[in-house]
Each structure stands twice: as C-alpha cells, then as structure tokens.
Amino acid sequence: MTDSISKDSAGRIVDEIDRARAQEYALLTTLLTRSPDAQLLSRLAGLRGDASPIGMAHIALAEAARRTDEERASREFFALFAGLGEGALLPYASHYLAETLYGRPLARLRDTLDGLGIEKTPERKEPEDHAGFLCEIMAGLAGGSIAAPDGADRDFFERHLSPWIKRAFIDLEQAKSADFYASVGALGRTFIDIEAEAFALLV
C-alpha cells in the first residue's frame, strides 16, 4: 500500500485521482452552499492551473477570487441563490427536471440516500436535491468517507447529477449578476464534463 492508494471503510481502493475528484466536489459544495469568506478567497487566489480544461478553470477561479472580496462575494451569492430578483437561480434537480420544487427527482434521490444510509442533518434547510448537497455526496463517495460498493459514485452521478447539473452550472456561468460565481459555474461545467467522459469510458 503506497501513500497514493488507500482503502475506505467499505474496502474500496481510493487512489490519488479519486481524492482529487473528492476535493473538486468538496470545493463546489462549499461555494454552492455559502459565500466564500476572506480566508477561502485568499486560498482560491493562490490556485494554480495548467493548459488542461480543468487547469484553465482553476486559473480563472483564482483570477476571480483576486478581483473580489468577502463583502462583494456575499452580495453576489445572495443575489444568485437567496434573492428573489430576476437573476436568482434555483439549483435543484426538481426545478430543472420537473419544473417544480420537492418533485419526483427529490423523492427518487431520497430513496437512493436511504439505501446509502445517508440522511440530511436537521439544521440543513435546503432540500437534498440542491446542487451543493449532491456535490457533497459525490465528494464522500469518491473520497471514501461514505461507505458504498464499487461503482456507487458512477451510479449516483448518472442517476442524480448527469441529467441536469451541467445546465445549472451553465446558468450560473451566464447569470447577469455573476462575476466571481461565473468562474464557479465554469469550473462546475468543466468538471462535470470530465466526470461524464470518464464514466463513459467505464462502459
């Protein structure tokens, strides 16, 4: 067993790539569920990248973090996710797939979560089909903190993220009130494309 390979509590192999995937999902979770504070913005400003699509998305996110501050990012987050204005977004599977909230996509997701032994903590008010919550589950599945059989991350992705979440990231990227968060949308869109392509190769 090397430093770059470990096993999770279910005995699955978790390699360096899976840990990197988990970190990407965890970052998206954080940025989709709360506005970044000064400490997080400082860390994001130091992100490095390369010429790959995800590397370029990281570079753009770092540049956006350097352009903003905690107060501006907070106002932007509120306008995008908590406000009632024309540019507000609803990052829920039920909204994108059923044009409602608390719809069948949420019911199907809750069945899957029950099978994984996962339940939402009482202090979390958002429905479980929120994009941030789904990214959090994917982080746990990819990184091994959620015990599940081999292929559970692919199954969860294809059932509950793939049908809609790229569209949500594109909407975020193109939202009129988005500046810093446009780069978050671009990162999410790019990463979801990479995940979809990788899972397709496993067929």
Protein backbone atom coordinates (compact mmCIF):
# COMPACT_ATOMS: atom_id res chain seq x y z
CA MET A 1 0.00 0.00 0.00
CA THR A 2 1.58 3.30 -1.11
CA ASP A 3 0.87 6.82 0.07
CA SER A 4 -1.20 7.49 -3.05
CA ILE A 5 -3.53 4.49 -2.58
CA SER A 6 -5.68 3.71 0.43
CA LYS A 7 -8.85 1.84 1.26
CA ASP A 8 -12.09 3.30 2.54
CA SER A 9 -14.28 1.78 5.23
CA ALA A 10 -16.00 -0.44 2.65
CA GLY A 11 -12.68 -1.81 1.42
CA ARG A 12 -12.72 0.09 -1.86
CA ILE A 13 -9.46 1.36 -3.32
CA VAL A 14 -9.24 5.15 -3.13
CA ASP A 15 -6.38 6.42 -5.28
CA GLU A 16 -4.91 9.85 -5.91
CA ILE A 17 -7.35 10.56 -8.74
CA ASP A 18 -10.36 9.76 -6.56
CA ARG A 19 -9.03 12.01 -3.80
CA ALA A 20 -8.56 14.83 -6.32
CA ARG A 21 -12.13 14.28 -7.54
CA ALA A 22 -13.38 14.39 -3.97
CA GLN A 23 -11.54 17.69 -3.38
CA GLU A 24 -13.09 19.20 -6.52
CA TYR A 25 -16.57 18.17 -5.43
CA ALA A 26 -15.90 19.46 -1.91
CA LEU A 27 -14.86 22.85 -3.28
CA LEU A 28 -18.03 23.06 -5.37
CA THR A 29 -20.05 22.04 -2.30
CA THR A 30 -18.59 24.90 -0.28
CA LEU A 31 -19.07 27.53 -2.98
CA LEU A 32 -22.64 26.44 -3.77
CA THR A 33 -23.81 26.43 -0.15
CA ARG A 34 -22.23 29.57 1.30
CA SER A 35 -20.41 32.67 0.14
CA PRO A 36 -16.62 32.48 0.50
CA ASP A 37 -15.04 34.29 3.42
CA ALA A 38 -11.76 36.19 3.16
CA GLN A 39 -9.70 33.15 4.13
CA LEU A 40 -11.23 30.97 1.42
CA LEU A 41 -10.88 33.73 -1.18
CA SER A 42 -7.20 34.04 -0.27
CA ARG A 43 -6.72 30.30 -0.74
CA LEU A 44 -8.58 30.35 -4.05
CA ALA A 45 -6.49 33.27 -5.26
CA GLY A 46 -3.44 31.04 -4.90
CA LEU A 47 -4.81 28.25 -7.07
CA ARG A 48 -2.53 27.17 -9.88
CA GLY A 49 -3.50 25.55 -13.14
CA ASP A 50 -2.22 24.33 -16.47
CA ALA A 51 -3.36 24.19 -20.08
CA SER A 52 -5.92 21.44 -19.44
CA PRO A 53 -9.61 22.45 -19.29
CA ILE A 54 -9.76 21.96 -15.52
CA GLY A 55 -6.41 23.75 -15.11
CA MET A 56 -7.72 26.73 -17.05
CA ALA A 57 -10.89 26.73 -14.93
CA HIS A 58 -8.74 26.84 -11.81
CA ILE A 59 -6.74 29.77 -13.20
CA ALA A 60 -9.97 31.65 -13.98
CA LEU A 61 -11.30 30.96 -10.48
CA ALA A 62 -8.07 32.25 -8.94
CA GLU A 63 -8.28 35.44 -11.00
CA ALA A 64 -11.92 35.93 -10.00
CA ALA A 65 -11.02 35.44 -6.32
CA ARG A 66 -8.37 38.14 -6.61
CA ARG A 67 -10.91 40.54 -8.18
CA THR A 68 -13.45 40.30 -5.38
CA ASP A 69 -13.63 40.48 -1.60
CA GLU A 70 -15.75 38.87 1.09
CA GLU A 71 -18.45 41.56 1.05
CA ARG A 72 -18.86 41.60 -2.74
CA ALA A 73 -18.89 37.81 -2.90
CA SER A 74 -21.56 37.71 -0.19
CA ARG A 75 -23.80 40.15 -2.09
CA GLU A 76 -23.31 38.17 -5.27
CA PHE A 77 -24.15 34.88 -3.53
CA PHE A 78 -27.32 36.38 -2.07
CA ALA A 79 -28.45 37.76 -5.42
CA LEU A 80 -27.85 34.42 -7.14
CA PHE A 81 -29.11 31.93 -4.59
CA ALA A 82 -31.12 33.67 -1.89
CA GLY A 83 -32.68 36.69 -3.55
CA LEU A 84 -35.96 36.94 -5.41
CA GLY A 85 -34.70 39.02 -8.31
CA GLU A 86 -34.79 38.20 -11.98
CA GLY A 87 -31.29 36.73 -11.90
CA ALA A 88 -31.90 34.36 -8.97
CA LEU A 89 -31.16 30.69 -9.62
CA LEU A 90 -32.79 27.54 -8.26
CA PRO A 91 -30.05 24.90 -8.21
CA TYR A 92 -32.34 21.93 -7.54
CA ALA A 93 -32.83 18.76 -9.56
CA SER A 94 -36.61 19.05 -9.19
CA HIS A 95 -36.57 22.54 -10.67
CA TYR A 96 -34.54 21.51 -13.71
CA LEU A 97 -36.16 18.13 -14.32
CA ALA A 98 -39.76 18.66 -13.20
CA GLU A 99 -40.13 22.47 -13.20
CA THR A 100 -41.19 22.39 -9.58
CA LEU A 101 -39.67 22.04 -6.12
CA TYR A 102 -39.97 18.93 -3.95
CA GLY A 103 -40.81 16.89 -7.05
CA ARG A 104 -40.18 13.32 -8.14
CA PRO A 105 -36.42 13.82 -8.63
CA LEU A 106 -36.19 14.63 -4.91
CA ALA A 107 -38.25 11.56 -3.99
CA ARG A 108 -36.02 9.32 -6.10
CA LEU A 109 -32.93 10.89 -4.56
CA ARG A 110 -34.23 10.28 -1.04
CA ASP A 111 -34.72 6.60 -1.89
CA THR A 112 -31.09 6.41 -3.01
CA LEU A 113 -29.89 8.21 0.11
CA ASP A 114 -31.86 5.80 2.29
CA GLY A 115 -30.10 2.91 0.55
CA LEU A 116 -26.74 4.51 1.32
CA GLY A 117 -27.70 5.17 4.93
CA ILE A 118 -27.48 8.94 4.47
CA GLU A 119 -29.89 11.48 5.92
CA LYS A 120 -29.87 15.24 6.00
CA THR A 121 -29.00 16.86 9.31
CA PRO A 122 -31.87 18.83 10.91
CA GLU A 123 -30.08 22.17 10.66
CA ARG A 124 -29.90 21.95 6.87
CA LYS A 125 -33.00 23.56 5.45
CA GLU A 126 -32.38 23.06 1.74
CA PRO A 127 -33.97 20.03 0.01
CA GLU A 128 -31.48 17.24 -0.66
CA ASP A 129 -31.58 17.75 -4.44
CA HIS A 130 -29.68 21.04 -4.09
CA ALA A 131 -26.56 21.02 -6.29
CA GLY A 132 -24.31 21.65 -3.29
CA PHE A 133 -25.74 18.72 -1.34
CA LEU A 134 -25.31 16.40 -4.35
CA CYS A 135 -21.69 17.51 -4.79
CA GLU A 136 -21.15 16.78 -1.10
CA ILE A 137 -22.44 13.22 -1.57
CA MET A 138 -20.19 12.76 -4.61
CA ALA A 139 -17.21 14.00 -2.58
CA GLY A 140 -17.94 11.38 0.05
CA LEU A 141 -18.40 8.59 -2.47
CA ALA A 142 -15.29 9.48 -4.46
CA GLY A 143 -13.09 10.07 -1.43
CA GLY A 144 -14.28 7.11 0.59
CA SER A 145 -15.83 8.90 3.57
CA ILE A 146 -19.19 7.38 2.57
CA ALA A 147 -19.03 3.59 2.66
CA ALA A 148 -20.54 2.20 -0.54
CA PRO A 149 -19.92 -0.55 -3.09
CA ASP A 150 -17.61 -0.14 -6.09
CA GLY A 151 -19.27 1.98 -8.77
CA ALA A 152 -21.61 3.75 -6.36
CA ASP A 153 -20.20 7.13 -7.36
CA ARG A 154 -20.84 6.45 -11.04
CA ASP A 155 -24.38 5.21 -10.35
CA PHE A 156 -25.16 8.23 -8.16
CA PHE A 157 -23.70 10.63 -10.73
CA GLU A 158 -25.62 9.17 -13.64
CA ARG A 159 -28.92 8.99 -11.77
CA HIS A 160 -28.91 12.25 -9.85
CA LEU A 161 -26.39 14.71 -11.37
CA SER A 162 -25.85 13.94 -15.03
CA PRO A 163 -29.42 14.68 -16.21
CA TRP A 164 -29.36 18.31 -15.10
CA ILE A 165 -26.44 19.71 -13.14
CA LYS A 166 -24.37 20.83 -16.13
CA ARG A 167 -27.28 23.06 -17.18
CA ALA A 168 -27.32 24.57 -13.70
CA PHE A 169 -23.61 25.35 -13.90
CA ILE A 170 -24.07 26.90 -17.35
CA ASP A 171 -26.89 29.08 -15.98
CA LEU A 172 -24.60 30.15 -13.14
CA GLU A 173 -21.77 30.88 -15.55
CA GLN A 174 -24.04 33.05 -17.70
CA ALA A 175 -26.06 34.77 -14.96
CA LYS A 176 -26.08 38.55 -15.34
CA SER A 177 -25.33 39.14 -11.66
CA ALA A 178 -22.45 36.65 -11.61
CA ASP A 179 -18.83 37.79 -11.61
CA PHE A 180 -16.89 35.63 -9.18
CA TYR A 181 -19.60 32.99 -9.45
CA ALA A 182 -19.36 32.91 -13.23
CA SER A 183 -15.97 31.28 -12.71
CA VAL A 184 -17.54 28.84 -10.26
CA GLY A 185 -20.09 27.93 -12.92
CA ALA A 186 -17.33 27.43 -15.48
CA LEU A 187 -15.41 25.21 -13.08
CA GLY A 188 -18.51 23.13 -12.36
CA ARG A 189 -19.39 22.79 -16.04
CA THR A 190 -15.84 21.74 -16.92
CA PHE A 191 -15.55 19.25 -14.07
CA ILE A 192 -18.93 17.65 -14.79
CA ASP A 193 -17.88 17.17 -18.42
CA ILE A 194 -14.69 15.44 -17.26
CA GLU A 195 -16.64 13.19 -14.89
CA ALA A 196 -19.17 12.26 -17.57
CA GLU A 197 -16.43 11.42 -20.07
CA ALA A 198 -14.53 9.35 -17.51
CA PHE A 199 -17.59 7.36 -16.51
CA ALA A 200 -18.46 6.78 -20.17
CA LEU A 201 -15.09 5.11 -20.67
CA LEU A 202 -16.00 2.55 -17.99
CA VAL A 203 -18.84 1.11 -20.09
